[in-house]
Amino acid sequence: MPAVILRFYGYKKCATCRKAEKHLEARKIPYAFTDITEKPPEAAELGRLIKISGRPLSAFYNTSGELYKSMKIKDRRVRLTDAEQIALLAAHGRLLKRPLLVGDKRVTVGFGPEEAATWV
């Protein structure tokens, strides 16, 4: 059995996550799935992943999600420090954009043509 090289934080009911899983499976890329709603990355780990990704913190929010809207995060996040935002994301996995794919030296958030190309 090949070694797991990729951590996949996702949600089984998410269409984008299912598409990402199919992409990885078709290319025989081994991964370990973690339900992001039950066990999101802890704040320190999430902060590290955001840095590795090279993406802005705002890219890690699931802005189309129910929780994002019901908690009025769009209005609240401008008043929060980066550390407070990361703690909020780590405490509420449904606030995180998914899938969150973590390799040895790269991290992608979301899944579209650009992200798919990085996980050939």
PDB file of N, CA and C in Angstrom:
ATOM      1  N   MET A   1       0.849  -1.193   0.000  1.00  0.00           N
ATOM      2  CA  MET A   1       0.000   0.000   0.000  1.00  0.00           C
ATOM      3  C   MET A   1       0.885   1.245   0.000  1.00  0.00           C
ATOM      4  N   PRO A   2       0.617   2.228  -0.887  1.00  0.00           N
ATOM      5  CA  PRO A   2       1.447   3.427  -0.930  1.00  0.00           C
ATOM      6  C   PRO A   2       1.270   4.273   0.323  1.00  0.00           C
ATOM      7  N   ALA A   3       2.304   5.010   0.664  1.00  0.00           N
ATOM      8  CA  ALA A   3       2.246   5.893   1.829  1.00  0.00           C
ATOM      9  C   ALA A   3       1.281   7.043   1.551  1.00  0.00           C
ATOM     10  N   VAL A   4       0.573   7.472   2.576  1.00  0.00           N
ATOM     11  CA  VAL A   4      -0.326   8.610   2.425  1.00  0.00           C
ATOM     12  C   VAL A   4       0.536   9.856   2.261  1.00  0.00           C
ATOM     13  N   ILE A   5       0.315  10.575   1.182  1.00  0.00           N
ATOM     14  CA  ILE A   5       1.107  11.779   0.946  1.00  0.00           C
ATOM     15  C   ILE A   5       0.283  13.046   1.041  1.00  0.00           C
ATOM     16  N   LEU A   6      -1.029  12.905   1.169  1.00  0.00           N
ATOM     17  CA  LEU A   6      -1.901  14.055   1.113  1.00  0.00           C
ATOM     18  C   LEU A   6      -2.965  13.963   2.199  1.00  0.00           C
ATOM     19  N   ARG A   7      -3.143  15.067   2.929  1.00  0.00           N
ATOM     20  CA  ARG A   7      -4.255  15.156   3.877  1.00  0.00           C
ATOM     21  C   ARG A   7      -5.385  15.887   3.165  1.00  0.00           C
ATOM     22  N   PHE A   8      -6.549  15.349   3.230  1.00  0.00           N
ATOM     23  CA  PHE A   8      -7.717  15.895   2.542  1.00  0.00           C
ATOM     24  C   PHE A   8      -8.741  16.270   3.602  1.00  0.00           C
ATOM     25  N   TYR A   9      -8.900  17.572   3.857  1.00  0.00           N
ATOM     26  CA  TYR A   9      -9.940  18.041   4.766  1.00  0.00           C
ATOM     27  C   TYR A   9     -11.143  18.383   3.895  1.00  0.00           C
ATOM     28  N   GLY A  10     -12.243  17.674   4.100  1.00  0.00           N
ATOM     29  CA  GLY A  10     -13.416  17.904   3.275  1.00  0.00           C
ATOM     30  C   GLY A  10     -14.687  17.549   4.004  1.00  0.00           C
ATOM     31  N   TYR A  11     -15.751  17.488   3.243  1.00  0.00           N
ATOM     32  CA  TYR A  11     -17.078  17.191   3.766  1.00  0.00           C
ATOM     33  C   TYR A  11     -17.756  16.312   2.723  1.00  0.00           C
ATOM     34  N   LYS A  12     -18.192  15.137   3.115  1.00  0.00           N
ATOM     35  CA  LYS A  12     -18.711  14.148   2.170  1.00  0.00           C
ATOM     36  C   LYS A  12     -19.934  14.635   1.387  1.00  0.00           C
ATOM     37  N   LYS A  13     -20.700  15.562   1.922  1.00  0.00           N
ATOM     38  CA  LYS A  13     -21.882  16.066   1.221  1.00  0.00           C
ATOM     39  C   LYS A  13     -21.556  17.216   0.270  1.00  0.00           C
ATOM     40  N   CYS A  14     -20.307  17.627   0.225  1.00  0.00           N
ATOM     41  CA  CYS A  14     -19.868  18.752  -0.608  1.00  0.00           C
ATOM     42  C   CYS A  14     -19.539  18.256  -2.022  1.00  0.00           C
ATOM     43  N   ALA A  15     -20.210  18.818  -3.023  1.00  0.00           N
ATOM     44  CA  ALA A  15     -19.992  18.414  -4.413  1.00  0.00           C
ATOM     45  C   ALA A  15     -18.555  18.685  -4.861  1.00  0.00           C
ATOM     46  N   THR A  16     -17.993  19.796  -4.435  1.00  0.00           N
ATOM     47  CA  THR A  16     -16.614  20.127  -4.810  1.00  0.00           C
ATOM     48  C   THR A  16     -15.639  19.130  -4.202  1.00  0.00           C
ATOM     49  N   CYS A  17     -15.901  18.708  -2.982  1.00  0.00           N
ATOM     50  CA  CYS A  17     -15.040  17.707  -2.339  1.00  0.00           C
ATOM     51  C   CYS A  17     -15.125  16.374  -3.073  1.00  0.00           C
ATOM     52  N   ARG A  18     -16.324  15.995  -3.471  1.00  0.00           N
ATOM     53  CA  ARG A  18     -16.483  14.735  -4.211  1.00  0.00           C
ATOM     54  C   ARG A  18     -15.740  14.805  -5.543  1.00  0.00           C
ATOM     55  N   LYS A  19     -15.801  15.950  -6.199  1.00  0.00           N
ATOM     56  CA  LYS A  19     -15.081  16.140  -7.465  1.00  0.00           C
ATOM     57  C   LYS A  19     -13.572  16.027  -7.242  1.00  0.00           C
ATOM     58  N   ALA A  20     -13.085  16.623  -6.166  1.00  0.00           N
ATOM     59  CA  ALA A  20     -11.654  16.550  -5.847  1.00  0.00           C
ATOM     60  C   ALA A  20     -11.238  15.114  -5.549  1.00  0.00           C
ATOM     61  N   GLU A  21     -12.078  14.388  -4.810  1.00  0.00           N
ATOM     62  CA  GLU A  21     -11.759  12.985  -4.513  1.00  0.00           C
ATOM     63  C   GLU A  21     -11.681  12.159  -5.792  1.00  0.00           C
ATOM     64  N   LYS A  22     -12.607  12.355  -6.699  1.00  0.00           N
ATOM     65  CA  LYS A  22     -12.585  11.627  -7.973  1.00  0.00           C
ATOM     66  C   LYS A  22     -11.307  11.939  -8.748  1.00  0.00           C
ATOM     67  N   HIS A  23     -10.910  13.203  -8.741  1.00  0.00           N
ATOM     68  CA  HIS A  23      -9.685  13.624  -9.422  1.00  0.00           C
ATOM     69  C   HIS A  23      -8.470  12.882  -8.847  1.00  0.00           C
ATOM     70  N   LEU A  24      -8.371  12.863  -7.533  1.00  0.00           N
ATOM     71  CA  LEU A  24      -7.238  12.202  -6.875  1.00  0.00           C
ATOM     72  C   LEU A  24      -7.255  10.699  -7.120  1.00  0.00           C
ATOM     73  N   GLU A  25      -8.421  10.098  -6.993  1.00  0.00           N
ATOM     74  CA  GLU A  25      -8.538   8.651  -7.179  1.00  0.00           C
ATOM     75  C   GLU A  25      -8.212   8.247  -8.617  1.00  0.00           C
ATOM     76  N   ALA A  26      -8.657   9.038  -9.594  1.00  0.00           N
ATOM     77  CA  ALA A  26      -8.383   8.729 -11.003  1.00  0.00           C
ATOM     78  C   ALA A  26      -6.885   8.758 -11.295  1.00  0.00           C
ATOM     79  N   ARG A  27      -6.160   9.567 -10.538  1.00  0.00           N
ATOM     80  CA  ARG A  27      -4.714   9.696 -10.729  1.00  0.00           C
ATOM     81  C   ARG A  27      -3.918   8.868  -9.723  1.00  0.00           C
ATOM     82  N   LYS A  28      -4.646   8.077  -8.945  1.00  0.00           N
ATOM     83  CA  LYS A  28      -4.040   7.192  -7.936  1.00  0.00           C
ATOM     84  C   LYS A  28      -3.142   7.955  -6.958  1.00  0.00           C
ATOM     85  N   ILE A  29      -3.605   9.140  -6.568  1.00  0.00           N
ATOM     86  CA  ILE A  29      -2.899   9.944  -5.578  1.00  0.00           C
ATOM     87  C   ILE A  29      -3.447   9.561  -4.208  1.00  0.00           C
ATOM     88  N   PRO A  30      -2.614   8.962  -3.353  1.00  0.00           N
ATOM     89  CA  PRO A  30      -3.111   8.539  -2.043  1.00  0.00           C
ATOM     90  C   PRO A  30      -3.392   9.736  -1.125  1.00  0.00           C
ATOM     91  N   TYR A  31      -4.449   9.619  -0.352  1.00  0.00           N
ATOM     92  CA  TYR A  31      -4.810  10.692   0.578  1.00  0.00           C
ATOM     93  C   TYR A  31      -5.521  10.100   1.792  1.00  0.00           C
ATOM     94  N   ALA A  32      -5.539  10.887   2.853  1.00  0.00           N
ATOM     95  CA  ALA A  32      -6.272  10.528   4.066  1.00  0.00           C
ATOM     96  C   ALA A  32      -7.356  11.591   4.259  1.00  0.00           C
ATOM     97  N   PHE A  33      -8.596  11.147   4.319  1.00  0.00           N
ATOM     98  CA  PHE A  33      -9.733  12.061   4.437  1.00  0.00           C
ATOM     99  C   PHE A  33     -10.031  12.369   5.899  1.00  0.00           C
ATOM    100  N   THR A  34     -10.239  13.649   6.189  1.00  0.00           N
ATOM    101  CA  THR A  34     -10.683  14.097   7.506  1.00  0.00           C
ATOM    102  C   THR A  34     -11.901  14.985   7.298  1.00  0.00           C
ATOM    103  N   ASP A  35     -12.977  14.702   8.024  1.00  0.00           N
ATOM    104  CA  ASP A  35     -14.178  15.529   7.928  1.00  0.00           C
ATOM    105  C   ASP A  35     -13.888  16.878   8.583  1.00  0.00           C
ATOM    106  N   ILE A  36     -13.850  17.914   7.763  1.00  0.00           N
ATOM    107  CA  ILE A  36     -13.490  19.256   8.225  1.00  0.00           C
ATOM    108  C   ILE A  36     -14.528  19.815   9.198  1.00  0.00           C
ATOM    109  N   THR A  37     -15.758  19.302   9.131  1.00  0.00           N
ATOM    110  CA  THR A  37     -16.800  19.799  10.032  1.00  0.00           C
ATOM    111  C   THR A  37     -16.689  19.183  11.416  1.00  0.00           C
ATOM    112  N   GLU A  38     -16.079  18.000  11.496  1.00  0.00           N
ATOM    113  CA  GLU A  38     -15.910  17.318  12.778  1.00  0.00           C
ATOM    114  C   GLU A  38     -14.538  17.558  13.389  1.00  0.00           C
ATOM    115  N   LYS A  39     -13.532  17.666  12.548  1.00  0.00           N
ATOM    116  CA  LYS A  39     -12.168  17.819  13.049  1.00  0.00           C
ATOM    117  C   LYS A  39     -11.373  18.770  12.156  1.00  0.00           C
ATOM    118  N   PRO A  40     -11.671  20.070  12.246  1.00  0.00           N
ATOM    119  CA  PRO A  40     -10.894  21.027  11.455  1.00  0.00           C
ATOM    120  C   PRO A  40      -9.475  21.134  12.015  1.00  0.00           C
ATOM    121  N   PRO A  41      -8.544  21.626  11.208  1.00  0.00           N
ATOM    122  CA  PRO A  41      -7.185  21.814  11.735  1.00  0.00           C
ATOM    123  C   PRO A  41      -7.214  22.764  12.933  1.00  0.00           C
ATOM    124  N   GLU A  42      -6.355  22.498  13.906  1.00  0.00           N
ATOM    125  CA  GLU A  42      -6.259  23.397  15.062  1.00  0.00           C
ATOM    126  C   GLU A  42      -5.674  24.731  14.607  1.00  0.00           C
ATOM    127  N   ALA A  43      -5.874  25.767  15.406  1.00  0.00           N
ATOM    128  CA  ALA A  43      -5.492  27.123  15.028  1.00  0.00           C
ATOM    129  C   ALA A  43      -4.015  27.241  14.628  1.00  0.00           C
ATOM    130  N   ALA A  44      -3.119  26.672  15.405  1.00  0.00           N
ATOM    131  CA  ALA A  44      -1.687  26.780  15.083  1.00  0.00           C
ATOM    132  C   ALA A  44      -1.387  26.111  13.750  1.00  0.00           C
ATOM    133  N   GLU A  45      -1.972  24.938  13.531  1.00  0.00           N
ATOM    134  CA  GLU A  45      -1.769  24.223  12.271  1.00  0.00           C
ATOM    135  C   GLU A  45      -2.394  24.996  11.109  1.00  0.00           C
ATOM    136  N   LEU A  46      -3.572  25.528  11.314  1.00  0.00           N
ATOM    137  CA  LEU A  46      -4.242  26.282  10.270  1.00  0.00           C
ATOM    138  C   LEU A  46      -3.433  27.525   9.890  1.00  0.00           C
ATOM    139  N   GLY A  47      -2.895  28.216  10.876  1.00  0.00           N
ATOM    140  CA  GLY A  47      -2.039  29.373  10.597  1.00  0.00           C
ATOM    141  C   GLY A  47      -0.843  28.985   9.742  1.00  0.00           C
ATOM    142  N   ARG A  48      -0.250  27.842  10.057  1.00  0.00           N
ATOM    143  CA  ARG A  48       0.899  27.341   9.291  1.00  0.00           C
ATOM    144  C   ARG A  48       0.485  27.005   7.861  1.00  0.00           C
ATOM    145  N   LEU A  49      -0.662  26.379   7.711  1.00  0.00           N
ATOM    146  CA  LEU A  49      -1.152  26.000   6.381  1.00  0.00           C
ATOM    147  C   LEU A  49      -1.465  27.222   5.528  1.00  0.00           C
ATOM    148  N   ILE A  50      -2.014  28.246   6.139  1.00  0.00           N
ATOM    149  CA  ILE A  50      -2.318  29.478   5.410  1.00  0.00           C
ATOM    150  C   ILE A  50      -1.030  30.086   4.874  1.00  0.00           C
ATOM    151  N   LYS A  51       0.017  30.116   5.697  1.00  0.00           N
ATOM    152  CA  LYS A  51       1.311  30.651   5.248  1.00  0.00           C
ATOM    153  C   LYS A  51       1.876  29.844   4.090  1.00  0.00           C
ATOM    154  N   ILE A  52       1.835  28.524   4.208  1.00  0.00           N
ATOM    155  CA  ILE A  52       2.374  27.660   3.154  1.00  0.00           C
ATOM    156  C   ILE A  52       1.609  27.861   1.844  1.00  0.00           C
ATOM    157  N   SER A  53       0.309  28.049   1.935  1.00  0.00           N
ATOM    158  CA  SER A  53      -0.532  28.170   0.734  1.00  0.00           C
ATOM    159  C   SER A  53      -0.179  29.401  -0.098  1.00  0.00           C
ATOM    160  N   GLY A  54       0.283  30.455   0.574  1.00  0.00           N
ATOM    161  CA  GLY A  54       0.542  31.708  -0.125  1.00  0.00           C
ATOM    162  C   GLY A  54      -0.731  32.480  -0.455  1.00  0.00           C
ATOM    163  N   ARG A  55      -1.861  31.982   0.005  1.00  0.00           N
ATOM    164  CA  ARG A  55      -3.153  32.631  -0.243  1.00  0.00           C
ATOM    165  C   ARG A  55      -3.500  33.546   0.927  1.00  0.00           C
ATOM    166  N   PRO A  56      -4.304  34.561   0.688  1.00  0.00           N
ATOM    167  CA  PRO A  56      -4.727  35.417   1.806  1.00  0.00           C
ATOM    168  C   PRO A  56      -5.679  34.668   2.725  1.00  0.00           C
ATOM    169  N   LEU A  57      -5.718  35.089   3.954  1.00  0.00           N
ATOM    170  CA  LEU A  57      -6.606  34.484   4.953  1.00  0.00           C
ATOM    171  C   LEU A  57      -8.047  34.468   4.461  1.00  0.00           C
ATOM    172  N   SER A  58      -8.462  35.501   3.773  1.00  0.00           N
ATOM    173  CA  SER A  58      -9.845  35.584   3.284  1.00  0.00           C
ATOM    174  C   SER A  58     -10.203  34.430   2.345  1.00  0.00           C
ATOM    175  N   ALA A  59      -9.227  33.834   1.677  1.00  0.00           N
ATOM    176  CA  ALA A  59      -9.471  32.724   0.750  1.00  0.00           C
ATOM    177  C   ALA A  59      -9.884  31.455   1.481  1.00  0.00           C
ATOM    178  N   PHE A  60      -9.695  31.404   2.783  1.00  0.00           N
ATOM    179  CA  PHE A  60      -9.997  30.206   3.561  1.00  0.00           C
ATOM    180  C   PHE A  60     -11.423  30.192   4.107  1.00  0.00           C
ATOM    181  N   TYR A  61     -12.168  31.240   3.848  1.00  0.00           N
ATOM    182  CA  TYR A  61     -13.561  31.289   4.308  1.00  0.00           C
ATOM    183  C   TYR A  61     -14.503  30.659   3.284  1.00  0.00           C
ATOM    184  N   ASN A  62     -15.448  29.877   3.771  1.00  0.00           N
ATOM    185  CA  ASN A  62     -16.515  29.322   2.949  1.00  0.00           C
ATOM    186  C   ASN A  62     -17.622  30.371   2.902  1.00  0.00           C
ATOM    187  N   THR A  63     -17.437  31.356   2.031  1.00  0.00           N
ATOM    188  CA  THR A  63     -18.344  32.510   2.002  1.00  0.00           C
ATOM    189  C   THR A  63     -19.749  32.179   1.513  1.00  0.00           C
ATOM    190  N   SER A  64     -19.915  31.043   0.891  1.00  0.00           N
ATOM    191  CA  SER A  64     -21.254  30.669   0.432  1.00  0.00           C
ATOM    192  C   SER A  64     -21.983  29.778   1.435  1.00  0.00           C
ATOM    193  N   GLY A  65     -21.332  29.461   2.535  1.00  0.00           N
ATOM    194  CA  GLY A  65     -21.931  28.567   3.517  1.00  0.00           C
ATOM    195  C   GLY A  65     -22.964  29.224   4.415  1.00  0.00           C
ATOM    196  N   GLU A  66     -23.867  28.393   4.910  1.00  0.00           N
ATOM    197  CA  GLU A  66     -24.920  28.849   5.817  1.00  0.00           C
ATOM    198  C   GLU A  66     -24.362  29.479   7.090  1.00  0.00           C
ATOM    199  N   LEU A  67     -23.357  28.832   7.671  1.00  0.00           N
ATOM    200  CA  LEU A  67     -22.804  29.325   8.933  1.00  0.00           C
ATOM    201  C   LEU A  67     -22.148  30.693   8.750  1.00  0.00           C
ATOM    202  N   TYR A  68     -21.426  30.867   7.652  1.00  0.00           N
ATOM    203  CA  TYR A  68     -20.780  32.153   7.344  1.00  0.00           C
ATOM    204  C   TYR A  68     -21.834  33.260   7.315  1.00  0.00           C
ATOM    205  N   LYS A  69     -22.947  32.957   6.684  1.00  0.00           N
ATOM    206  CA  LYS A  69     -24.015  33.953   6.558  1.00  0.00           C
ATOM    207  C   LYS A  69     -24.745  34.169   7.878  1.00  0.00           C
ATOM    208  N   SER A  70     -25.081  33.085   8.574  1.00  0.00           N
ATOM    209  CA  SER A  70     -25.844  33.230   9.820  1.00  0.00           C
ATOM    210  C   SER A  70     -25.025  33.907  10.922  1.00  0.00           C
ATOM    211  N   MET A  71     -23.701  33.700  10.915  1.00  0.00           N
ATOM    212  CA  MET A  71     -22.842  34.342  11.919  1.00  0.00           C
ATOM    213  C   MET A  71     -22.414  35.746  11.496  1.00  0.00           C
ATOM    214  N   LYS A  72     -22.837  36.155  10.294  1.00  0.00           N
ATOM    215  CA  LYS A  72     -22.507  37.486   9.757  1.00  0.00           C
ATOM    216  C   LYS A  72     -20.996  37.729   9.776  1.00  0.00           C
ATOM    217  N   ILE A  73     -20.260  36.723   9.328  1.00  0.00           N
ATOM    218  CA  ILE A  73     -18.799  36.776   9.354  1.00  0.00           C
ATOM    219  C   ILE A  73     -18.259  37.888   8.463  1.00  0.00           C
ATOM    220  N   LYS A  74     -18.910  38.126   7.333  1.00  0.00           N
ATOM    221  CA  LYS A  74     -18.433  39.169   6.414  1.00  0.00           C
ATOM    222  C   LYS A  74     -18.270  40.503   7.147  1.00  0.00           C
ATOM    223  N   ASP A  75     -19.242  40.843   7.967  1.00  0.00           N
ATOM    224  CA  ASP A  75     -19.197  42.102   8.718  1.00  0.00           C
ATOM    225  C   ASP A  75     -18.243  42.030   9.906  1.00  0.00           C
ATOM    226  N   ARG A  76     -18.163  40.863  10.544  1.00  0.00           N
ATOM    227  CA  ARG A  76     -17.353  40.702  11.761  1.00  0.00           C
ATOM    228  C   ARG A  76     -15.863  40.607  11.487  1.00  0.00           C
ATOM    229  N   ARG A  77     -15.483  39.940  10.398  1.00  0.00           N
ATOM    230  CA  ARG A  77     -14.066  39.618  10.210  1.00  0.00           C
ATOM    231  C   ARG A  77     -13.182  40.840  10.017  1.00  0.00           C
ATOM    232  N   VAL A  78     -13.729  41.949   9.550  1.00  0.00           N
ATOM    233  CA  VAL A  78     -12.912  43.155   9.356  1.00  0.00           C
ATOM    234  C   VAL A  78     -12.457  43.739  10.693  1.00  0.00           C
ATOM    235  N   ARG A  79     -13.157  43.375  11.761  1.00  0.00           N
ATOM    236  CA  ARG A  79     -12.795  43.881  13.097  1.00  0.00           C
ATOM    237  C   ARG A  79     -11.921  42.908  13.878  1.00  0.00           C
ATOM    238  N   LEU A  80     -11.645  41.745  13.289  1.00  0.00           N
ATOM    239  CA  LEU A  80     -10.867  40.716  13.981  1.00  0.00           C
ATOM    240  C   LEU A  80      -9.418  40.709  13.501  1.00  0.00           C
ATOM    241  N   THR A  81      -8.517  40.380  14.409  1.00  0.00           N
ATOM    242  CA  THR A  81      -7.123  40.204  14.018  1.00  0.00           C
ATOM    243  C   THR A  81      -6.997  38.896  13.238  1.00  0.00           C
ATOM    244  N   ASP A  82      -5.871  38.696  12.573  1.00  0.00           N
ATOM    245  CA  ASP A  82      -5.640  37.439  11.862  1.00  0.00           C
ATOM    246  C   ASP A  82      -5.729  36.258  12.828  1.00  0.00           C
ATOM    247  N   ALA A  83      -5.125  36.408  14.001  1.00  0.00           N
ATOM    248  CA  ALA A  83      -5.145  35.317  14.989  1.00  0.00           C
ATOM    249  C   ALA A  83      -6.576  34.998  15.425  1.00  0.00           C
ATOM    250  N   GLU A  84      -7.393  36.013  15.609  1.00  0.00           N
ATOM    251  CA  GLU A  84      -8.787  35.795  16.002  1.00  0.00           C
ATOM    252  C   GLU A  84      -9.572  35.110  14.873  1.00  0.00           C
ATOM    253  N   GLN A  85      -9.293  35.498  13.635  1.00  0.00           N
ATOM    254  CA  GLN A  85      -9.965  34.869  12.501  1.00  0.00           C
ATOM    255  C   GLN A  85      -9.563  33.402  12.370  1.00  0.00           C
ATOM    256  N   ILE A  86      -8.288  33.127  12.535  1.00  0.00           N
ATOM    257  CA  ILE A  86      -7.804  31.745  12.454  1.00  0.00           C
ATOM    258  C   ILE A  86      -8.432  30.904  13.562  1.00  0.00           C
ATOM    259  N   ALA A  87      -8.528  31.458  14.756  1.00  0.00           N
ATOM    260  CA  ALA A  87      -9.164  30.741  15.870  1.00  0.00           C
ATOM    261  C   ALA A  87     -10.638  30.468  15.555  1.00  0.00           C
ATOM    262  N   LEU A  88     -11.315  31.412  14.959  1.00  0.00           N
ATOM    263  CA  LEU A  88     -12.714  31.251  14.581  1.00  0.00           C
ATOM    264  C   LEU A  88     -12.865  30.144  13.537  1.00  0.00           C
ATOM    265  N   LEU A  89     -12.009  30.144  12.523  1.00  0.00           N
ATOM    266  CA  LEU A  89     -12.039  29.105  11.493  1.00  0.00           C
ATOM    267  C   LEU A  89     -11.749  27.727  12.085  1.00  0.00           C
ATOM    268  N   ALA A  90     -10.797  27.672  12.990  1.00  0.00           N
ATOM    269  CA  ALA A  90     -10.434  26.394  13.607  1.00  0.00           C
ATOM    270  C   ALA A  90     -11.547  25.873  14.515  1.00  0.00           C
ATOM    271  N   ALA A  91     -12.315  26.762  15.088  1.00  0.00           N
ATOM    272  CA  ALA A  91     -13.398  26.363  15.992  1.00  0.00           C
ATOM    273  C   ALA A  91     -14.660  25.925  15.247  1.00  0.00           C
ATOM    274  N   HIS A  92     -14.792  26.365  14.005  1.00  0.00           N
ATOM    275  CA  HIS A  92     -16.002  26.085  13.224  1.00  0.00           C
ATOM    276  C   HIS A  92     -15.608  25.607  11.833  1.00  0.00           C
ATOM    277  N   GLY A  93     -15.433  24.308  11.688  1.00  0.00           N
ATOM    278  CA  GLY A  93     -14.985  23.739  10.426  1.00  0.00           C
ATOM    279  C   GLY A  93     -15.857  24.089   9.232  1.00  0.00           C
ATOM    280  N   ARG A  94     -17.134  24.349   9.472  1.00  0.00           N
ATOM    281  CA  ARG A  94     -18.018  24.713   8.360  1.00  0.00           C
ATOM    282  C   ARG A  94     -17.708  26.106   7.802  1.00  0.00           C
ATOM    283  N   LEU A  95     -16.938  26.890   8.531  1.00  0.00           N
ATOM    284  CA  LEU A  95     -16.532  28.198   8.016  1.00  0.00           C
ATOM    285  C   LEU A  95     -15.378  28.091   7.022  1.00  0.00           C
ATOM    286  N   LEU A  96     -14.692  26.952   7.037  1.00  0.00           N
ATOM    287  CA  LEU A  96     -13.540  26.765   6.156  1.00  0.00           C
ATOM    288  C   LEU A  96     -13.959  26.362   4.749  1.00  0.00           C
ATOM    289  N   LYS A  97     -13.356  27.007   3.774  1.00  0.00           N
ATOM    290  CA  LYS A  97     -13.559  26.618   2.375  1.00  0.00           C
ATOM    291  C   LYS A  97     -12.981  25.227   2.200  1.00  0.00           C
ATOM    292  N   ARG A  98     -13.645  24.457   1.383  1.00  0.00           N
ATOM    293  CA  ARG A  98     -13.200  23.088   1.199  1.00  0.00           C
ATOM    294  C   ARG A  98     -13.206  22.727  -0.276  1.00  0.00           C
ATOM    295  N   PRO A  99     -12.445  21.720  -0.607  1.00  0.00           N
ATOM    296  CA  PRO A  99     -11.547  20.961   0.247  1.00  0.00           C
ATOM    297  C   PRO A  99     -10.266  21.731   0.551  1.00  0.00           C
ATOM    298  N   LEU A 100      -9.648  21.344   1.629  1.00  0.00           N
ATOM    299  CA  LEU A 100      -8.342  21.847   2.018  1.00  0.00           C
ATOM    300  C   LEU A 100      -7.396  20.667   1.838  1.00  0.00           C
ATOM    301  N   LEU A 101      -6.505  20.776   0.857  1.00  0.00           N
ATOM    302  CA  LEU A 101      -5.586  19.687   0.531  1.00  0.00           C
ATOM    303  C   LEU A 101      -4.189  20.061   0.979  1.00  0.00           C
ATOM    304  N   VAL A 102      -3.591  19.184   1.769  1.00  0.00           N
ATOM    305  CA  VAL A 102      -2.306  19.471   2.397  1.00  0.00           C
ATOM    306  C   VAL A 102      -1.286  18.406   2.005  1.00  0.00           C
ATOM    307  N   GLY A 103      -0.260  18.825   1.286  1.00  0.00           N
ATOM    308  CA  GLY A 103       0.840  17.942   0.926  1.00  0.00           C
ATOM    309  C   GLY A 103       2.069  18.290   1.745  1.00  0.00           C
ATOM    310  N   ASP A 104       3.185  17.689   1.418  1.00  0.00           N
ATOM    311  CA  ASP A 104       4.420  17.951   2.158  1.00  0.00           C
ATOM    312  C   ASP A 104       4.842  19.413   2.082  1.00  0.00           C
ATOM    313  N   LYS A 105       4.718  20.018   0.895  1.00  0.00           N
ATOM    314  CA  LYS A 105       5.225  21.373   0.720  1.00  0.00           C
ATOM    315  C   LYS A 105       4.230  22.322   0.075  1.00  0.00           C
ATOM    316  N   ARG A 106       2.980  21.915  -0.018  1.00  0.00           N
ATOM    317  CA  ARG A 106       1.982  22.799  -0.615  1.00  0.00           C
ATOM    318  C   ARG A 106       0.608  22.563  -0.004  1.00  0.00           C
ATOM    319  N   VAL A 107      -0.198  23.603  -0.100  1.00  0.00           N
ATOM    320  CA  VAL A 107      -1.552  23.581   0.437  1.00  0.00           C
ATOM    321  C   VAL A 107      -2.446  24.271  -0.588  1.00  0.00           C
ATOM    322  N   THR A 108      -3.578  23.633  -0.909  1.00  0.00           N
ATOM    323  CA  THR A 108      -4.562  24.298  -1.758  1.00  0.00           C
ATOM    324  C   THR A 108      -5.887  24.330  -1.015  1.00  0.00           C
ATOM    325  N   VAL A 109      -6.652  25.361  -1.306  1.00  0.00           N
ATOM    326  CA  VAL A 109      -7.971  25.520  -0.689  1.00  0.00           C
ATOM    327  C   VAL A 109      -8.978  25.689  -1.822  1.00  0.00           C
ATOM    328  N   GLY A 110     -10.071  24.931  -1.740  1.00  0.00           N
ATOM    329  CA  GLY A 110     -11.024  24.900  -2.836  1.00  0.00           C
ATOM    330  C   GLY A 110     -10.521  23.940  -3.902  1.00  0.00           C
ATOM    331  N   PHE A 111     -11.312  23.733  -4.941  1.00  0.00           N
ATOM    332  CA  PHE A 111     -10.876  22.819  -5.985  1.00  0.00           C
ATOM    333  C   PHE A 111     -11.500  23.218  -7.312  1.00  0.00           C
ATOM    334  N   GLY A 112     -10.637  23.609  -8.213  1.00  0.00           N
ATOM    335  CA  GLY A 112     -11.020  23.969  -9.566  1.00  0.00           C
ATOM    336  C   GLY A 112      -9.872  23.609 -10.484  1.00  0.00           C
ATOM    337  N   PRO A 113      -9.893  24.045 -11.716  1.00  0.00           N
ATOM    338  CA  PRO A 113      -8.837  23.689 -12.671  1.00  0.00           C
ATOM    339  C   PRO A 113      -7.424  24.039 -12.199  1.00  0.00           C
ATOM    340  N   GLU A 114      -7.271  25.207 -11.590  1.00  0.00           N
ATOM    341  CA  GLU A 114      -5.944  25.623 -11.127  1.00  0.00           C
ATOM    342  C   GLU A 114      -5.422  24.708 -10.014  1.00  0.00           C
ATOM    343  N   GLU A 115      -6.279  24.415  -9.041  1.00  0.00           N
ATOM    344  CA  GLU A 115      -5.880  23.533  -7.934  1.00  0.00           C
ATOM    345  C   GLU A 115      -5.667  22.100  -8.428  1.00  0.00           C
ATOM    346  N   ALA A 116      -6.528  21.656  -9.323  1.00  0.00           N
ATOM    347  CA  ALA A 116      -6.420  20.286  -9.853  1.00  0.00           C
ATOM    348  C   ALA A 116      -5.073  20.086 -10.545  1.00  0.00           C
ATOM    349  N   ALA A 117      -4.601  21.097 -11.248  1.00  0.00           N
ATOM    350  CA  ALA A 117      -3.337  20.999 -11.977  1.00  0.00           C
ATOM    351  C   ALA A 117      -2.162  20.795 -11.034  1.00  0.00           C
ATOM    352  N   THR A 118      -2.258  21.278  -9.809  1.00  0.00           N
ATOM    353  CA  THR A 118      -1.155  21.125  -8.867  1.00  0.00           C
ATOM    354  C   THR A 118      -1.097  19.721  -8.267  1.00  0.00           C
ATOM    355  N   TRP A 119      -2.220  19.004  -8.334  1.00  0.00           N
ATOM    356  CA  TRP A 119      -2.282  17.642  -7.787  1.00  0.00           C
ATOM    357  C   TRP A 119      -2.445  16.649  -8.936  1.00  0.00           C
ATOM    358  N   VAL A 120      -1.496  16.655  -9.836  1.00  0.00           N
ATOM    359  CA  VAL A 120      -1.538  15.781 -11.015  1.00  0.00           C
ATOM    360  C   VAL A 120      -1.453  14.400 -10.538  1.00  0.00           C
TER     361      VAL A 120
END
